[in-house]
Amino acid sequence: MKNYGEIKNLPFKELNGISQKTIDIHWGKLYQGYVKKWQEIQEKLENIDLSSANATFSEVRELKVEQTFAANAVLLHEAYFDILGGEGKESGKVIEAIAKDYNSFENWLAHFKALGLTARGWVVLAYDFNDGKLRNYIADAHNLYGIWGAAPIVVLDVYEHAYFIDFGSDRKSYIEAYFKNLNWEAIDKKYNKIARS
């Protein structure tokens, strides 16, 4: 079971083409900051005065909105880091499933990369329990456009903090580096666990 208040360890030592400085800032400061914000929000919610609750503005409303932002920031960053550290060699049943739902792996790859250039925050290949298919989705912020009943399998962070130090505004080169670092064994393990659910 997920505990938002615990900082997970990185599953890799270094990446090819994505600098240690980027990882130190991205994982070491940003991700860990979201975990701490989650903890802070939880503490405030435990003692919240519910008597002033309303839809225009109230402390409980603001905390609940930011709770979704912090929780999804933690989950998406962990899903992003959990599948990095490989050599980008596609393998496993997940490749067959992607090819089935996108008519070929190459079609999926082209679609996912195109979304990487259009999204403002995230691209997510998710297993959608609503129809039992793998689908690419985007999110412009941690708590925008998520699909209820869909579980992330492949997560790409396209916020500038993920690539600007190494690639400047060349997001396309960052996306290529990301794919070269994917751990398809970890992705396949995640897919098999989720698809069996």
Foldseek 3Di string as FASTA:
>chain_A
DDDLLDQDDFPADDAPLFDPVLCCCVRVPVLNVLSVVLVVLVVCVVDDDCPPDDDVDDPVVVSVVVNQQSSLSNVLVCLARQFFQAQLDADAPVLVQCCVQQVHSVSVVVVQLVVLVVALFKWFFWQAPVVRHTDIDGANGSNPPDDPRIGGLHMDTNHCSNPCVRQNPPSSVVVVSSSRGGRNVSSNVVCVVVSVD
